[in-house]
Amino acid sequence: MKISILCRYPVIHEGIKSILRNKYEDITCFTSIEDCFKTLDSTEDTSLNDTEDTILIITLFKEDLKIIDNILAIKDNYSKLKLLIIDFNESKDMFFKVSKLNVDGYMLGTFAQEDISYALHKISTGTKFYDRELLYRLVEDEPAATITSKNNLGTPLTRRELEILSQLSNGLSNFEIAKNLNISENTVKKHISNIFIKINVKDRTQAIIYAYESGLIAKPLFL
């Protein structure tokens, strides 16, 4: 696996490289999106075989919001290139914008060495990675947050499925959800499977993102 780092600040390049160099020998760095594109465009094989085993780490700061369209362009032109976003701005708005770009991983800039190593491992195996700490913060921003009782118009989910999505958004396990809603754990599993199919997501993380983006998390369902 090859690692490339796109970051405007060389000191951060060196910091990330120092963490990864014991495991990854092939690490390249770019300070601008233009330099990154030039390198990708210079590959001889336009079928993207050269990028298939490459993870591009992109660091984002507040002033980098303007390059989000360029990130999308990278995925459009180099679909086999895997992207890991490190958000030093730690912005909820940034997360929701970038999560729509089909990136492979997203983590906060406050990561520890084992965090980025784990993220890269998951991404290299074809699994999406989203920083749980950010998801917890999103929930904590709305301490009473749950699925609205109005069953937002247009949602394909039933009221029971909305209840379970609410529980998912608070990080509860299937066992905990079953206990809270007084149903069997097997029933919870079936509901979750139906939720994933209806809203076209593959895991709990994506389901939580859907709940926020769809405006379903708003106020307590039960008072």
N, C-alpha and C. Protein backbone atom coordinates (compact mmCIF):
# COMPACT_ATOMS: atom_id res chain seq x y z
N MET A 1 0.83 -1.20 0.00
CA MET A 1 0.00 0.00 0.00
C MET A 1 0.87 1.26 0.00
N LYS A 2 0.59 2.17 -0.93
CA LYS A 2 1.30 3.43 -1.01
C LYS A 2 0.50 4.52 -0.29
N ILE A 3 1.22 5.44 0.32
CA ILE A 3 0.58 6.53 1.04
C ILE A 3 1.04 7.86 0.46
N SER A 4 0.09 8.73 0.15
CA SER A 4 0.39 10.10 -0.27
C SER A 4 -0.30 11.04 0.71
N ILE A 5 0.33 12.19 0.94
CA ILE A 5 -0.21 13.16 1.90
C ILE A 5 -0.34 14.51 1.21
N LEU A 6 -1.54 15.07 1.23
CA LEU A 6 -1.78 16.39 0.67
C LEU A 6 -2.08 17.34 1.82
N CYS A 7 -1.13 18.26 2.09
CA CYS A 7 -1.29 19.19 3.19
C CYS A 7 -0.48 20.45 2.91
N ARG A 8 -1.04 21.59 3.21
CA ARG A 8 -0.36 22.86 2.94
C ARG A 8 0.78 23.13 3.91
N TYR A 9 0.82 22.41 5.04
CA TYR A 9 1.82 22.68 6.07
C TYR A 9 2.86 21.56 6.16
N PRO A 10 4.11 21.81 5.74
CA PRO A 10 5.16 20.79 5.76
C PRO A 10 5.37 20.15 7.13
N VAL A 11 5.20 20.93 8.21
CA VAL A 11 5.43 20.37 9.53
C VAL A 11 4.43 19.25 9.83
N ILE A 12 3.22 19.36 9.30
CA ILE A 12 2.23 18.32 9.50
C ILE A 12 2.55 17.10 8.63
N HIS A 13 3.08 17.39 7.41
CA HIS A 13 3.59 16.28 6.58
C HIS A 13 4.54 15.42 7.39
N GLU A 14 5.52 16.07 7.99
CA GLU A 14 6.56 15.35 8.70
C GLU A 14 6.00 14.61 9.91
N GLY A 15 5.02 15.24 10.57
CA GLY A 15 4.40 14.58 11.72
C GLY A 15 3.70 13.30 11.33
N ILE A 16 2.92 13.35 10.26
CA ILE A 16 2.21 12.16 9.80
C ILE A 16 3.18 11.12 9.29
N LYS A 17 4.20 11.56 8.55
CA LYS A 17 5.20 10.62 8.03
C LYS A 17 5.93 9.91 9.16
N SER A 18 6.24 10.64 10.21
CA SER A 18 6.97 10.03 11.33
C SER A 18 6.14 8.95 12.01
N ILE A 19 4.82 9.12 12.00
CA ILE A 19 3.93 8.12 12.58
C ILE A 19 3.86 6.87 11.70
N LEU A 20 3.89 7.08 10.39
CA LEU A 20 3.61 5.99 9.46
C LEU A 20 4.84 5.30 8.87
N ARG A 21 6.00 5.95 8.96
CA ARG A 21 7.15 5.43 8.21
C ARG A 21 7.61 4.05 8.67
N ASN A 22 7.30 3.66 9.90
CA ASN A 22 7.70 2.32 10.34
C ASN A 22 6.91 1.22 9.64
N LYS A 23 5.72 1.56 9.15
CA LYS A 23 4.87 0.56 8.51
C LYS A 23 4.79 0.74 7.00
N TYR A 24 4.91 2.00 6.56
CA TYR A 24 4.79 2.29 5.12
C TYR A 24 6.08 2.94 4.62
N GLU A 25 6.69 2.31 3.65
CA GLU A 25 7.96 2.83 3.11
C GLU A 25 7.72 3.84 2.00
N ASP A 26 6.66 3.63 1.24
CA ASP A 26 6.40 4.49 0.07
C ASP A 26 5.42 5.59 0.46
N ILE A 27 5.96 6.75 0.88
CA ILE A 27 5.14 7.89 1.29
C ILE A 27 5.57 9.12 0.50
N THR A 28 4.62 9.75 -0.20
CA THR A 28 4.91 10.98 -0.93
C THR A 28 4.06 12.11 -0.36
N CYS A 29 4.54 13.34 -0.54
CA CYS A 29 3.85 14.50 0.03
C CYS A 29 3.62 15.58 -1.01
N PHE A 30 2.50 16.28 -0.88
CA PHE A 30 2.17 17.40 -1.75
C PHE A 30 1.70 18.56 -0.89
N THR A 31 2.04 19.77 -1.31
CA THR A 31 1.59 20.96 -0.58
C THR A 31 0.44 21.67 -1.28
N SER A 32 0.09 21.21 -2.49
CA SER A 32 -1.02 21.83 -3.21
C SER A 32 -1.77 20.78 -4.00
N ILE A 33 -3.04 21.03 -4.23
CA ILE A 33 -3.86 20.11 -5.00
C ILE A 33 -3.37 20.03 -6.44
N GLU A 34 -2.78 21.15 -6.93
CA GLU A 34 -2.27 21.16 -8.30
C GLU A 34 -1.11 20.19 -8.46
N ASP A 35 -0.19 20.19 -7.49
CA ASP A 35 0.94 19.26 -7.54
C ASP A 35 0.45 17.81 -7.48
N CYS A 36 -0.58 17.60 -6.69
CA CYS A 36 -1.14 16.25 -6.57
C CYS A 36 -1.71 15.79 -7.91
N PHE A 37 -2.45 16.67 -8.58
CA PHE A 37 -3.02 16.34 -9.88
C PHE A 37 -1.93 16.06 -10.91
N LYS A 38 -0.87 16.87 -10.89
CA LYS A 38 0.22 16.69 -11.85
C LYS A 38 0.83 15.30 -11.72
N THR A 39 1.02 14.88 -10.48
CA THR A 39 1.61 13.57 -10.25
C THR A 39 0.67 12.46 -10.70
N LEU A 40 -0.61 12.60 -10.39
CA LEU A 40 -1.58 11.59 -10.81
C LEU A 40 -1.69 11.55 -12.33
N ASP A 41 -1.66 12.72 -12.96
CA ASP A 41 -1.78 12.79 -14.42
C ASP A 41 -0.55 12.24 -15.12
N SER A 42 0.58 12.21 -14.42
CA SER A 42 1.82 11.76 -15.04
C SER A 42 1.95 10.24 -15.06
N THR A 43 1.04 9.53 -14.41
CA THR A 43 1.11 8.08 -14.41
C THR A 43 0.89 7.58 -15.83
N GLU A 44 1.66 6.59 -16.22
CA GLU A 44 1.58 6.08 -17.58
C GLU A 44 0.28 5.34 -17.85
N ASP A 45 -0.23 4.65 -16.84
CA ASP A 45 -1.40 3.82 -17.03
C ASP A 45 -2.66 4.59 -16.67
N THR A 46 -3.41 5.01 -17.66
CA THR A 46 -4.61 5.80 -17.40
C THR A 46 -5.77 4.94 -16.88
N SER A 47 -5.58 3.62 -16.85
CA SER A 47 -6.63 2.76 -16.31
C SER A 47 -6.63 2.77 -14.80
N LEU A 48 -5.71 3.55 -14.22
CA LEU A 48 -5.67 3.82 -12.78
C LEU A 48 -5.08 2.68 -11.96
N ASN A 49 -4.41 1.72 -12.60
CA ASN A 49 -3.78 0.66 -11.82
C ASN A 49 -2.76 1.21 -10.85
N ASP A 50 -2.14 2.34 -11.19
CA ASP A 50 -1.13 2.92 -10.32
C ASP A 50 -1.74 3.53 -9.05
N THR A 51 -3.01 3.85 -9.09
CA THR A 51 -3.65 4.46 -7.92
C THR A 51 -4.51 3.48 -7.14
N GLU A 52 -4.64 2.27 -7.65
CA GLU A 52 -5.55 1.32 -7.02
C GLU A 52 -5.10 0.95 -5.61
N ASP A 53 -3.79 0.92 -5.39
CA ASP A 53 -3.29 0.54 -4.07
C ASP A 53 -2.71 1.75 -3.33
N THR A 54 -3.27 2.95 -3.60
CA THR A 54 -2.79 4.18 -2.97
C THR A 54 -3.88 4.81 -2.11
N ILE A 55 -3.48 5.22 -0.91
CA ILE A 55 -4.38 6.00 -0.06
C ILE A 55 -3.85 7.42 0.00
N LEU A 56 -4.67 8.37 -0.37
CA LEU A 56 -4.30 9.79 -0.32
C LEU A 56 -4.88 10.39 0.95
N ILE A 57 -4.01 10.85 1.84
CA ILE A 57 -4.43 11.52 3.07
C ILE A 57 -4.52 13.01 2.79
N ILE A 58 -5.69 13.60 3.01
CA ILE A 58 -5.89 15.02 2.77
C ILE A 58 -6.23 15.70 4.10
N THR A 59 -5.42 16.67 4.49
CA THR A 59 -5.70 17.43 5.71
C THR A 59 -6.54 18.65 5.36
N LEU A 60 -7.55 18.92 6.16
CA LEU A 60 -8.43 20.05 5.91
C LEU A 60 -8.44 21.01 7.09
N PHE A 61 -8.26 22.28 6.77
CA PHE A 61 -8.37 23.36 7.76
C PHE A 61 -9.51 24.27 7.31
N LYS A 62 -9.84 25.24 8.13
CA LYS A 62 -10.96 26.11 7.83
C LYS A 62 -10.82 26.75 6.45
N GLU A 63 -9.59 27.15 6.11
CA GLU A 63 -9.37 27.82 4.84
C GLU A 63 -9.41 26.87 3.64
N ASP A 64 -9.53 25.57 3.91
CA ASP A 64 -9.52 24.59 2.83
C ASP A 64 -10.92 24.21 2.33
N LEU A 65 -11.94 24.85 2.88
CA LEU A 65 -13.30 24.55 2.43
C LEU A 65 -13.44 24.72 0.92
N LYS A 66 -12.66 25.65 0.38
CA LYS A 66 -12.78 25.94 -1.05
C LYS A 66 -12.24 24.84 -1.93
N ILE A 67 -11.47 23.88 -1.38
CA ILE A 67 -10.92 22.82 -2.23
C ILE A 67 -11.79 21.57 -2.21
N ILE A 68 -12.93 21.63 -1.54
CA ILE A 68 -13.77 20.44 -1.48
C ILE A 68 -14.20 20.00 -2.87
N ASP A 69 -14.49 20.94 -3.76
CA ASP A 69 -14.86 20.58 -5.13
C ASP A 69 -13.71 19.86 -5.82
N ASN A 70 -12.48 20.25 -5.50
CA ASN A 70 -11.33 19.58 -6.08
C ASN A 70 -11.18 18.15 -5.55
N ILE A 71 -11.56 17.96 -4.30
CA ILE A 71 -11.54 16.61 -3.74
C ILE A 71 -12.51 15.73 -4.52
N LEU A 72 -13.69 16.28 -4.80
CA LEU A 72 -14.67 15.55 -5.60
C LEU A 72 -14.10 15.23 -6.97
N ALA A 73 -13.36 16.17 -7.55
CA ALA A 73 -12.75 15.96 -8.86
C ALA A 73 -11.75 14.81 -8.82
N ILE A 74 -11.03 14.67 -7.71
CA ILE A 74 -10.08 13.57 -7.57
C ILE A 74 -10.81 12.25 -7.66
N LYS A 75 -11.94 12.12 -6.93
CA LYS A 75 -12.69 10.87 -6.96
C LYS A 75 -13.32 10.64 -8.33
N ASP A 76 -13.70 11.72 -9.02
CA ASP A 76 -14.28 11.57 -10.34
C ASP A 76 -13.28 11.01 -11.34
N ASN A 77 -12.04 11.50 -11.25
CA ASN A 77 -11.02 11.14 -12.24
C ASN A 77 -10.17 9.95 -11.84
N TYR A 78 -10.10 9.68 -10.55
CA TYR A 78 -9.26 8.57 -10.07
C TYR A 78 -10.09 7.76 -9.07
N SER A 79 -11.06 7.05 -9.60
CA SER A 79 -12.05 6.39 -8.74
C SER A 79 -11.45 5.30 -7.85
N LYS A 80 -10.30 4.74 -8.26
CA LYS A 80 -9.69 3.68 -7.47
C LYS A 80 -8.79 4.21 -6.36
N LEU A 81 -8.54 5.51 -6.40
CA LEU A 81 -7.74 6.14 -5.35
C LEU A 81 -8.59 6.25 -4.08
N LYS A 82 -8.03 5.82 -2.96
CA LYS A 82 -8.75 5.88 -1.70
C LYS A 82 -8.39 7.17 -0.96
N LEU A 83 -9.39 7.83 -0.39
CA LEU A 83 -9.17 9.12 0.28
C LEU A 83 -9.45 9.02 1.77
N LEU A 84 -8.49 9.48 2.57
CA LEU A 84 -8.68 9.62 4.01
C LEU A 84 -8.59 11.10 4.35
N ILE A 85 -9.67 11.67 4.87
CA ILE A 85 -9.70 13.08 5.25
C ILE A 85 -9.35 13.21 6.73
N ILE A 86 -8.41 14.11 7.04
CA ILE A 86 -8.12 14.46 8.43
C ILE A 86 -8.56 15.90 8.63
N ASP A 87 -9.58 16.09 9.44
CA ASP A 87 -10.21 17.40 9.62
C ASP A 87 -9.64 18.09 10.87
N PHE A 88 -8.76 19.05 10.64
CA PHE A 88 -8.19 19.83 11.74
C PHE A 88 -9.12 20.97 12.15
N ASN A 89 -10.13 21.23 11.33
CA ASN A 89 -11.10 22.26 11.65
C ASN A 89 -12.17 21.73 12.61
N GLU A 90 -12.35 20.41 12.58
CA GLU A 90 -13.33 19.73 13.44
C GLU A 90 -14.70 20.37 13.33
N SER A 91 -15.13 20.52 12.08
CA SER A 91 -16.39 21.20 11.79
C SER A 91 -17.47 20.20 11.40
N LYS A 92 -18.64 20.32 12.02
CA LYS A 92 -19.78 19.48 11.65
C LYS A 92 -20.17 19.73 10.20
N ASP A 93 -20.18 21.00 9.80
CA ASP A 93 -20.54 21.34 8.42
C ASP A 93 -19.55 20.74 7.43
N MET A 94 -18.25 20.80 7.79
CA MET A 94 -17.23 20.22 6.93
C MET A 94 -17.47 18.72 6.77
N PHE A 95 -17.78 18.06 7.87
CA PHE A 95 -18.01 16.61 7.84
C PHE A 95 -19.16 16.26 6.91
N PHE A 96 -20.28 16.97 7.03
CA PHE A 96 -21.43 16.64 6.21
C PHE A 96 -21.15 16.90 4.72
N LYS A 97 -20.42 17.95 4.43
CA LYS A 97 -20.08 18.23 3.03
C LYS A 97 -19.17 17.17 2.45
N VAL A 98 -18.12 16.82 3.21
CA VAL A 98 -17.15 15.85 2.70
C VAL A 98 -17.74 14.45 2.65
N SER A 99 -18.64 14.12 3.58
CA SER A 99 -19.20 12.78 3.62
C SER A 99 -20.03 12.47 2.37
N LYS A 100 -20.44 13.52 1.66
CA LYS A 100 -21.20 13.33 0.42
C LYS A 100 -20.29 13.03 -0.78
N LEU A 101 -18.99 13.14 -0.58
CA LEU A 101 -18.06 13.01 -1.70
C LEU A 101 -17.55 11.59 -1.89
N ASN A 102 -18.13 10.64 -1.19
CA ASN A 102 -17.74 9.24 -1.32
C ASN A 102 -16.28 9.01 -0.94
N VAL A 103 -15.83 9.70 0.13
CA VAL A 103 -14.48 9.46 0.62
C VAL A 103 -14.46 8.13 1.37
N ASP A 104 -13.26 7.59 1.58
CA ASP A 104 -13.14 6.27 2.20
C ASP A 104 -12.94 6.35 3.71
N GLY A 105 -12.50 7.51 4.19
CA GLY A 105 -12.30 7.66 5.62
C GLY A 105 -12.33 9.11 6.05
N TYR A 106 -12.72 9.34 7.29
CA TYR A 106 -12.80 10.70 7.82
C TYR A 106 -12.48 10.65 9.30
N MET A 107 -11.50 11.45 9.72
CA MET A 107 -11.12 11.48 11.13
C MET A 107 -10.73 12.88 11.56
N LEU A 108 -10.80 13.13 12.85
CA LEU A 108 -10.45 14.43 13.41
C LEU A 108 -8.94 14.58 13.51
N GLY A 109 -8.48 15.85 13.55
CA GLY A 109 -7.06 16.12 13.64
C GLY A 109 -6.45 15.80 15.00
N THR A 110 -7.28 15.42 15.96
CA THR A 110 -6.80 15.10 17.31
C THR A 110 -6.49 13.60 17.45
N PHE A 111 -6.22 12.95 16.33
CA PHE A 111 -6.01 11.50 16.34
C PHE A 111 -4.71 11.11 17.05
N ALA A 112 -4.71 9.88 17.56
CA ALA A 112 -3.50 9.28 18.12
C ALA A 112 -2.88 8.37 17.07
N GLN A 113 -1.66 7.93 17.31
CA GLN A 113 -0.95 7.09 16.34
C GLN A 113 -1.75 5.85 15.98
N GLU A 114 -2.31 5.19 17.00
CA GLU A 114 -3.05 3.97 16.72
C GLU A 114 -4.34 4.25 15.93
N ASP A 115 -4.88 5.47 16.05
CA ASP A 115 -6.10 5.81 15.33
C ASP A 115 -5.87 5.84 13.82
N ILE A 116 -4.82 6.54 13.40
CA ILE A 116 -4.58 6.65 11.96
C ILE A 116 -4.12 5.31 11.39
N SER A 117 -3.37 4.55 12.16
CA SER A 117 -2.94 3.23 11.70
C SER A 117 -4.15 2.32 11.49
N TYR A 118 -5.09 2.39 12.43
CA TYR A 118 -6.30 1.58 12.31
C TYR A 118 -7.14 2.03 11.12
N ALA A 119 -7.27 3.35 10.94
CA ALA A 119 -8.04 3.89 9.82
C ALA A 119 -7.47 3.43 8.48
N LEU A 120 -6.16 3.51 8.34
CA LEU A 120 -5.52 3.10 7.09
C LEU A 120 -5.70 1.61 6.85
N HIS A 121 -5.63 0.83 7.92
CA HIS A 121 -5.83 -0.61 7.78
C HIS A 121 -7.24 -0.91 7.29
N LYS A 122 -8.23 -0.27 7.89
CA LYS A 122 -9.61 -0.51 7.48
C LYS A 122 -9.85 -0.10 6.03
N ILE A 123 -9.32 1.07 5.66
CA ILE A 123 -9.50 1.56 4.30
C ILE A 123 -8.81 0.65 3.30
N SER A 124 -7.62 0.15 3.64
CA SER A 124 -6.88 -0.72 2.73
C SER A 124 -7.60 -2.03 2.47
N THR A 125 -8.50 -2.42 3.39
CA THR A 125 -9.26 -3.66 3.21
C THR A 125 -10.61 -3.41 2.55
N GLY A 126 -10.84 -2.16 2.14
CA GLY A 126 -12.08 -1.84 1.45
C GLY A 126 -13.21 -1.42 2.35
N THR A 127 -12.92 -1.15 3.62
CA THR A 127 -13.95 -0.76 4.58
C THR A 127 -13.92 0.75 4.80
N LYS A 128 -15.08 1.38 4.85
CA LYS A 128 -15.16 2.80 5.15
C LYS A 128 -14.82 3.04 6.62
N PHE A 129 -14.18 4.18 6.90
CA PHE A 129 -13.84 4.51 8.28
C PHE A 129 -14.30 5.93 8.60
N TYR A 130 -15.10 6.07 9.66
CA TYR A 130 -15.50 7.39 10.15
C TYR A 130 -15.16 7.48 11.63
N ASP A 131 -14.58 8.59 12.01
CA ASP A 131 -14.13 8.79 13.38
C ASP A 131 -15.31 8.76 14.34
N ARG A 132 -15.33 7.80 15.26
CA ARG A 132 -16.43 7.69 16.21
C ARG A 132 -16.51 8.92 17.12
N GLU A 133 -15.36 9.51 17.42
CA GLU A 133 -15.36 10.68 18.30
C GLU A 133 -16.20 11.80 17.70
N LEU A 134 -16.10 11.99 16.39
CA LEU A 134 -16.91 13.03 15.74
C LEU A 134 -18.38 12.67 15.81
N LEU A 135 -18.71 11.41 15.59
CA LEU A 135 -20.11 11.01 15.66
C LEU A 135 -20.67 11.23 17.06
N TYR A 136 -19.87 10.93 18.08
CA TYR A 136 -20.31 11.17 19.45
C TYR A 136 -20.53 12.66 19.69
N ARG A 137 -19.65 13.49 19.14
CA ARG A 137 -19.80 14.94 19.31
C ARG A 137 -21.06 15.45 18.64
N LEU A 138 -21.39 14.87 17.49
CA LEU A 138 -22.60 15.29 16.79
C LEU A 138 -23.82 15.01 17.65
N VAL A 139 -23.82 13.87 18.32
CA VAL A 139 -24.93 13.53 19.20
C VAL A 139 -24.95 14.44 20.41
N GLU A 140 -23.76 14.71 20.99
CA GLU A 140 -23.67 15.55 22.18
C GLU A 140 -24.08 16.98 21.91
N ASP A 141 -23.93 17.44 20.66
CA ASP A 141 -24.34 18.80 20.31
C ASP A 141 -25.83 18.99 20.53
N GLU A 142 -26.60 17.88 20.47
CA GLU A 142 -28.03 17.93 20.69
C GLU A 142 -28.35 16.89 21.75
N PRO A 143 -28.14 17.22 23.04
CA PRO A 143 -28.26 16.24 24.10
C PRO A 143 -29.62 15.56 24.18
N ALA A 144 -30.66 16.24 23.72
CA ALA A 144 -31.99 15.61 23.74
C ALA A 144 -32.34 15.01 22.39
N ALA A 145 -31.35 14.95 21.51
CA ALA A 145 -31.63 14.56 20.13
C ALA A 145 -32.16 13.14 20.01
N THR A 146 -33.16 13.01 19.20
CA THR A 146 -33.69 11.71 18.83
C THR A 146 -34.50 11.91 17.57
N ILE A 147 -35.23 10.92 17.15
CA ILE A 147 -36.00 11.05 15.93
C ILE A 147 -37.31 11.77 16.19
N THR A 148 -37.63 12.73 15.36
CA THR A 148 -38.83 13.53 15.57
C THR A 148 -40.11 12.71 15.47
N SER A 149 -41.08 13.03 16.31
CA SER A 149 -42.34 12.29 16.31
C SER A 149 -43.20 12.61 15.10
N LYS A 150 -42.79 13.61 14.36
CA LYS A 150 -43.59 13.99 13.19
C LYS A 150 -43.36 13.06 12.02
N ASN A 151 -42.38 12.14 12.16
CA ASN A 151 -42.10 11.17 11.09
C ASN A 151 -41.93 11.90 9.76
N ASN A 152 -40.88 12.75 9.72
CA ASN A 152 -40.65 13.69 8.61
C ASN A 152 -41.23 13.24 7.28
N LEU A 153 -41.96 14.11 6.65
CA LEU A 153 -42.57 13.80 5.37
C LEU A 153 -41.50 13.40 4.36
N GLY A 154 -41.74 12.32 3.65
CA GLY A 154 -40.81 11.89 2.64
C GLY A 154 -39.90 10.76 3.08
N THR A 155 -39.74 10.54 4.38
CA THR A 155 -38.87 9.46 4.81
C THR A 155 -39.53 8.13 4.52
N PRO A 156 -38.76 7.13 4.06
CA PRO A 156 -39.34 5.81 3.75
C PRO A 156 -39.50 4.95 4.99
N LEU A 157 -39.07 5.45 6.15
CA LEU A 157 -39.05 4.64 7.36
C LEU A 157 -40.38 4.68 8.12
N THR A 158 -40.71 3.55 8.74
CA THR A 158 -41.87 3.50 9.62
C THR A 158 -41.53 4.14 10.96
N ARG A 159 -42.55 4.34 11.78
CA ARG A 159 -42.31 4.95 13.09
C ARG A 159 -41.37 4.08 13.93
N ARG A 160 -41.58 2.76 13.91
CA ARG A 160 -40.71 1.87 14.68
C ARG A 160 -39.27 1.94 14.17
N GLU A 161 -39.11 2.01 12.85
CA GLU A 161 -37.76 2.12 12.28
C GLU A 161 -37.11 3.44 12.67
N LEU A 162 -37.92 4.49 12.75
CA LEU A 162 -37.40 5.78 13.19
C LEU A 162 -36.95 5.71 14.65
N GLU A 163 -37.71 4.98 15.47
CA GLU A 163 -37.32 4.80 16.86
C GLU A 163 -35.98 4.11 16.97
N ILE A 164 -35.81 3.07 16.15
CA ILE A 164 -34.56 2.30 16.20
C ILE A 164 -33.41 3.13 15.65
N LEU A 165 -33.66 3.90 14.60
CA LEU A 165 -32.61 4.78 14.09
C LEU A 165 -32.20 5.80 15.15
N SER A 166 -33.14 6.26 15.93
CA SER A 166 -32.84 7.16 17.03
C SER A 166 -31.89 6.50 18.02
N GLN A 167 -32.17 5.26 18.35
CA GLN A 167 -31.32 4.52 19.29
C GLN A 167 -29.93 4.31 18.70
N LEU A 168 -29.87 3.98 17.42
CA LEU A 168 -28.58 3.82 16.74
C LEU A 168 -27.77 5.10 16.83
N SER A 169 -28.44 6.23 16.64
CA SER A 169 -27.76 7.52 16.63
C SER A 169 -27.17 7.88 17.98
N ASN A 170 -27.63 7.20 19.02
CA ASN A 170 -27.07 7.42 20.35
C ASN A 170 -26.05 6.35 20.71
N GLY A 171 -25.62 5.57 19.72
CA GLY A 171 -24.54 4.61 19.92
C GLY A 171 -24.90 3.36 20.68
N LEU A 172 -26.19 3.01 20.72
CA LEU A 172 -26.61 1.84 21.48
C LEU A 172 -26.45 0.55 20.69
N SER A 173 -26.19 -0.53 21.39
CA SER A 173 -26.05 -1.84 20.78
C SER A 173 -27.42 -2.43 20.50
N ASN A 174 -27.47 -3.53 19.72
CA ASN A 174 -28.74 -4.20 19.46
C ASN A 174 -29.40 -4.65 20.75
N PHE A 175 -28.60 -5.16 21.68
CA PHE A 175 -29.13 -5.61 22.96
C PHE A 175 -29.77 -4.46 23.73
N GLU A 176 -29.08 -3.32 23.76
CA GLU A 176 -29.60 -2.15 24.48
C GLU A 176 -30.87 -1.61 23.84
N ILE A 177 -30.90 -1.62 22.49
CA ILE A 177 -32.09 -1.15 21.79
C ILE A 177 -33.28 -2.06 22.10
N ALA A 178 -33.03 -3.37 22.05
CA ALA A 178 -34.09 -4.33 22.34
C ALA A 178 -34.65 -4.12 23.75
N LYS A 179 -33.76 -3.88 24.70
CA LYS A 179 -34.19 -3.68 26.09
C LYS A 179 -35.00 -2.39 26.22
N ASN A 180 -34.53 -1.32 25.58
CA ASN A 180 -35.22 -0.02 25.69
C ASN A 180 -36.61 -0.03 25.06
N LEU A 181 -36.73 -0.76 23.94
CA LEU A 181 -38.00 -0.77 23.20
C LEU A 181 -38.86 -1.99 23.53
N ASN A 182 -38.35 -2.85 24.43
CA ASN A 182 -39.11 -4.02 24.87
C ASN A 182 -39.46 -4.94 23.70
N ILE A 183 -38.47 -5.18 22.86
CA ILE A 183 -38.62 -6.12 21.75
C ILE A 183 -37.43 -7.06 21.75
N SER A 184 -37.46 -8.10 20.94
CA SER A 184 -36.36 -9.05 20.92
C SER A 184 -35.17 -8.50 20.14
N GLU A 185 -34.00 -9.01 20.45
CA GLU A 185 -32.80 -8.57 19.74
C GLU A 185 -32.88 -8.97 18.28
N ASN A 186 -33.49 -10.12 18.00
CA ASN A 186 -33.64 -10.57 16.62
C ASN A 186 -34.54 -9.61 15.84
N THR A 187 -35.57 -9.09 16.50
CA THR A 187 -36.46 -8.11 15.86
C THR A 187 -35.69 -6.83 15.54
N VAL A 188 -34.83 -6.42 16.47
CA VAL A 188 -34.00 -5.24 16.24
C VAL A 188 -33.14 -5.44 15.00
N LYS A 189 -32.51 -6.62 14.88
CA LYS A 189 -31.65 -6.91 13.74
C LYS A 189 -32.42 -6.83 12.43
N LYS A 190 -33.65 -7.35 12.44
CA LYS A 190 -34.47 -7.30 11.22
C LYS A 190 -34.82 -5.86 10.86
N HIS A 191 -35.17 -5.07 11.87
CA HIS A 191 -35.50 -3.66 11.61
C HIS A 191 -34.29 -2.91 11.06
N ILE A 192 -33.12 -3.16 11.64
CA ILE A 192 -31.91 -2.48 11.18
C ILE A 192 -31.60 -2.86 9.74
N SER A 193 -31.77 -4.14 9.41
CA SER A 193 -31.55 -4.58 8.03
C SER A 193 -32.51 -3.86 7.08
N ASN A 194 -33.77 -3.73 7.48
CA ASN A 194 -34.76 -3.03 6.65
C ASN A 194 -34.41 -1.55 6.50
N ILE A 195 -33.93 -0.95 7.59
CA ILE A 195 -33.53 0.46 7.55
C ILE A 195 -32.41 0.67 6.54
N PHE A 196 -31.40 -0.19 6.61
CA PHE A 196 -30.26 -0.07 5.70
C PHE A 196 -30.71 -0.17 4.24
N ILE A 197 -31.62 -1.10 3.98
CA ILE A 197 -32.11 -1.28 2.61
C ILE A 197 -32.90 -0.06 2.15
N LYS A 198 -33.79 0.43 3.01
CA LYS A 198 -34.67 1.54 2.63
C LYS A 198 -33.91 2.85 2.38
N ILE A 199 -32.88 3.12 3.20
CA ILE A 199 -32.17 4.39 3.04
C ILE A 199 -30.85 4.22 2.30
N ASN A 200 -30.62 2.98 1.82
CA ASN A 200 -29.47 2.69 0.95
C ASN A 200 -28.14 2.99 1.63
N VAL A 201 -27.94 2.43 2.82
CA VAL A 201 -26.67 2.55 3.52
C VAL A 201 -26.17 1.15 3.86
N LYS A 202 -24.89 1.06 4.23
CA LYS A 202 -24.28 -0.25 4.47
C LYS A 202 -23.94 -0.51 5.92
N ASP A 203 -23.90 0.54 6.75
CA ASP A 203 -23.52 0.32 8.14
C ASP A 203 -24.15 1.38 9.04
N ARG A 204 -23.91 1.24 10.34
CA ARG A 204 -24.51 2.14 11.32
C ARG A 204 -24.03 3.57 11.16
N THR A 205 -22.74 3.72 10.85
CA THR A 205 -22.19 5.06 10.68
C THR A 205 -22.93 5.82 9.59
N GLN A 206 -23.13 5.17 8.46
CA GLN A 206 -23.84 5.82 7.35
C GLN A 206 -25.29 6.10 7.73
N ALA A 207 -25.88 5.22 8.54
CA ALA A 207 -27.26 5.44 8.97
C ALA A 207 -27.36 6.68 9.86
N ILE A 208 -26.36 6.88 10.73
CA ILE A 208 -26.35 8.07 11.59
C ILE A 208 -26.21 9.33 10.75
N ILE A 209 -25.32 9.27 9.77
CA ILE A 209 -25.14 10.42 8.86
C ILE A 209 -26.47 10.74 8.16
N TYR A 210 -27.15 9.69 7.71
CA TYR A 210 -28.45 9.89 7.05
C TYR A 210 -29.43 10.58 7.98
N ALA A 211 -29.45 10.17 9.25
CA ALA A 211 -30.39 10.75 10.21
C ALA A 211 -30.17 12.24 10.37
N TYR A 212 -28.90 12.66 10.42
CA TYR A 212 -28.60 14.09 10.56
C TYR A 212 -28.89 14.85 9.27
N GLU A 213 -28.44 14.31 8.14
CA GLU A 213 -28.61 15.02 6.88
C GLU A 213 -30.08 15.15 6.50
N SER A 214 -30.89 14.19 6.93
CA SER A 214 -32.31 14.20 6.59
C SER A 214 -33.13 15.02 7.58
N GLY A 215 -32.49 15.54 8.62
CA GLY A 215 -33.20 16.34 9.60
C GLY A 215 -34.07 15.52 10.52
N LEU A 216 -33.78 14.23 10.63
CA LEU A 216 -34.61 13.36 11.47
C LEU A 216 -34.27 13.50 12.95
N ILE A 217 -33.05 13.89 13.25
CA ILE A 217 -32.66 14.07 14.64
C ILE A 217 -32.98 15.51 15.03
N ALA A 218 -33.98 15.65 15.89
CA ALA A 218 -34.41 17.00 16.22
C ALA A 218 -34.82 17.15 17.68
N LYS A 219 -35.73 16.32 18.16
CA LYS A 219 -36.20 16.47 19.52
C LYS A 219 -36.69 15.11 20.03
N PRO A 220 -36.88 14.96 21.33
CA PRO A 220 -37.25 13.66 21.88
C PRO A 220 -38.55 13.13 21.29
N LEU A 221 -38.55 11.83 21.02
CA LEU A 221 -39.75 11.19 20.52
C LEU A 221 -40.75 10.96 21.64
N PHE A 222 -40.20 10.63 22.83
CA PHE A 222 -41.05 10.40 23.99
C PHE A 222 -40.73 11.42 25.05
N LEU A 223 -41.71 12.03 25.68
CA LEU A 223 -41.53 13.02 26.73
C LEU A 223 -41.94 12.42 28.08
